[in-house]
C-alpha atoms as a PDB file:
ATOM      1  CA  MET A   1      44.346 -28.818  41.418  1.00  0.00           C
ATOM      2  CA  LEU A   2      47.068 -30.504  43.433  1.00  0.00           C
ATOM      3  CA  ASN A   3      49.241 -33.042  41.682  1.00  0.00           C
ATOM      4  CA  PRO A   4      50.380 -35.532  44.364  1.00  0.00           C
ATOM      5  CA  THR A   5      53.586 -36.208  42.403  1.00  0.00           C
ATOM      6  CA  GLN A   6      54.755 -32.741  43.551  1.00  0.00           C
ATOM      7  CA  ILE A   7      55.097 -34.190  47.053  1.00  0.00           C
ATOM      8  CA  ARG A   8      58.593 -35.559  47.543  1.00  0.00           C
ATOM      9  CA  GLU A   9      60.427 -37.456  50.263  1.00  0.00           C
ATOM     10  CA  HIS A  10      62.019 -35.293  52.956  1.00  0.00           C
ATOM     11  CA  MET A  11      59.813 -32.243  52.279  1.00  0.00           C
ATOM     12  CA  GLU A  12      58.758 -30.343  55.383  1.00  0.00           C
ATOM     13  CA  VAL A  13      55.028 -30.422  56.127  1.00  0.00           C
ATOM     14  CA  ARG A  14      53.598 -27.208  57.567  1.00  0.00           C
ATOM     15  CA  ALA A  15      50.155 -26.690  59.037  1.00  0.00           C
ATOM     16  CA  ALA A  16      47.938 -23.756  58.035  1.00  0.00           C
ATOM     17  CA  ASP A  17      49.164 -21.860  61.106  1.00  0.00           C
ATOM     18  CA  GLY A  18      52.761 -22.205  59.887  1.00  0.00           C
ATOM     19  CA  ASN A  19      53.812 -24.813  62.441  1.00  0.00           C
ATOM     20  CA  HIS A  20      55.981 -27.758  61.462  1.00  0.00           C
ATOM     21  CA  VAL A  21      54.012 -31.022  61.757  1.00  0.00           C
ATOM     22  CA  GLY A  22      56.379 -33.470  60.122  1.00  0.00           C
ATOM     23  CA  THR A  23      58.562 -34.533  57.237  1.00  0.00           C
ATOM     24  CA  VAL A  24      57.387 -36.584  54.261  1.00  0.00           C
ATOM     25  CA  ASP A  25      58.562 -40.196  54.343  1.00  0.00           C
ATOM     26  CA  HIS A  26      56.638 -41.131  51.191  1.00  0.00           C
ATOM     27  CA  LEU A  27      53.224 -41.182  49.535  1.00  0.00           C
ATOM     28  CA  GLU A  28      51.218 -44.221  50.492  1.00  0.00           C
ATOM     29  CA  GLY A  29      48.583 -45.470  48.093  1.00  0.00           C
ATOM     30  CA  GLY A  30      48.601 -42.174  46.214  1.00  0.00           C
ATOM     31  CA  ASN A  31      46.149 -40.578  48.635  1.00  0.00           C
ATOM     32  CA  ARG A  32      47.990 -40.438  51.971  1.00  0.00           C
ATOM     33  CA  ILE A  33      51.254 -38.886  53.083  1.00  0.00           C
ATOM     34  CA  LYS A  34      53.301 -40.949  55.510  1.00  0.00           C
ATOM     35  CA  LEU A  35      55.388 -38.782  57.823  1.00  0.00           C
ATOM     36  CA  THR A  36      58.777 -39.907  59.093  1.00  0.00           C
ATOM     37  CA  LYS A  37      58.898 -41.385  62.562  1.00  0.00           C
ATOM     38  CA  SER A  38      62.328 -39.860  63.204  1.00  0.00           C
ATOM     39  CA  ASP A  39      60.679 -36.409  63.132  1.00  0.00           C
ATOM     40  CA  SER A  40      57.859 -37.428  65.460  1.00  0.00           C
ATOM     41  CA  ASP A  41      57.535 -36.737  69.179  1.00  0.00           C
ATOM     42  CA  ASP A  42      56.179 -40.248  69.793  1.00  0.00           C
ATOM     43  CA  GLY A  43      58.587 -42.102  67.466  1.00  0.00           C
ATOM     44  CA  ARG A  44      55.767 -43.342  65.224  1.00  0.00           C
ATOM     45  CA  HIS A  45      54.794 -42.785  61.618  1.00  0.00           C
ATOM     46  CA  HIS A  46      51.666 -40.711  61.018  1.00  0.00           C
ATOM     47  CA  LEU A  47      49.401 -40.697  57.976  1.00  0.00           C
ATOM     48  CA  ILE A  48      47.587 -37.646  56.665  1.00  0.00           C
ATOM     49  CA  PRO A  49      45.284 -37.470  53.624  1.00  0.00           C
ATOM     50  CA  VAL A  50      46.495 -35.700  50.511  1.00  0.00           C
ATOM     51  CA  ASP A  51      43.112 -33.913  50.663  1.00  0.00           C
ATOM     52  CA  TRP A  52      44.517 -31.815  53.534  1.00  0.00           C
ATOM     53  CA  VAL A  53      47.177 -30.292  51.251  1.00  0.00           C
ATOM     54  CA  ASP A  54      46.547 -26.693  50.250  1.00  0.00           C
ATOM     55  CA  HIS A  55      49.601 -26.295  48.041  1.00  0.00           C
ATOM     56  CA  VAL A  56      53.152 -27.480  47.500  1.00  0.00           C
ATOM     57  CA  ASP A  57      56.216 -25.324  46.951  1.00  0.00           C
ATOM     58  CA  ALA A  58      59.479 -26.038  48.779  1.00  0.00           C
ATOM     59  CA  HIS A  59      57.195 -27.373  51.550  1.00  0.00           C
ATOM     60  CA  VAL A  60      53.872 -29.166  51.802  1.00  0.00           C
ATOM     61  CA  HIS A  61      51.299 -26.693  53.151  1.00  0.00           C
ATOM     62  CA  LEU A  62      48.151 -28.019  54.806  1.00  0.00           C
ATOM     63  CA  THR A  63      44.665 -26.536  55.175  1.00  0.00           C
ATOM     64  CA  LYS A  64      44.407 -27.542  58.859  1.00  0.00           C
ATOM     65  CA  ASN A  65      46.197 -26.018  61.830  1.00  0.00           C
ATOM     66  CA  ALA A  66      48.745 -28.078  63.782  1.00  0.00           C
ATOM     67  CA  ASP A  67      46.358 -29.030  66.598  1.00  0.00           C
ATOM     68  CA  GLU A  68      43.781 -30.296  64.098  1.00  0.00           C
ATOM     69  CA  VAL A  69      46.404 -32.276  62.196  1.00  0.00           C
ATOM     70  CA  ARG A  70      47.754 -33.952  65.325  1.00  0.00           C
ATOM     71  CA  SER A  71      44.292 -34.808  66.624  1.00  0.00           C
ATOM     72  CA  GLN A  72      43.146 -36.273  63.292  1.00  0.00           C
ATOM     73  CA  TRP A  73      46.169 -38.018  61.786  1.00  0.00           C
ATOM     74  CA  ILE A  74      46.448 -41.802  61.902  1.00  0.00           C
ATOM     75  CA  SER A  75      49.354 -43.179  63.934  1.00  0.00           C
ATOM     76  CA  VAL A  76      51.090 -46.331  62.694  1.00  0.00           C
ATOM     77  CA  ASN A  77      54.236 -48.180  63.748  1.00  0.00           C
END
């Protein structure tokens, strides 16, 4: 089982297809990952659920492909 404390600031987030989808800004509320806006094409923060995480090593690996992630994440300022 995933331990959310393994997720650290500045870790790269990779989709299931291996594509880069963002960089961790911080954990928000213990159940969502906030991605940095500086690493975003639209200059906004994006939130993804911790439930999407498959595993964590040097990177955060998701269970969804990049297109799914981008179509389902929540955009915030």
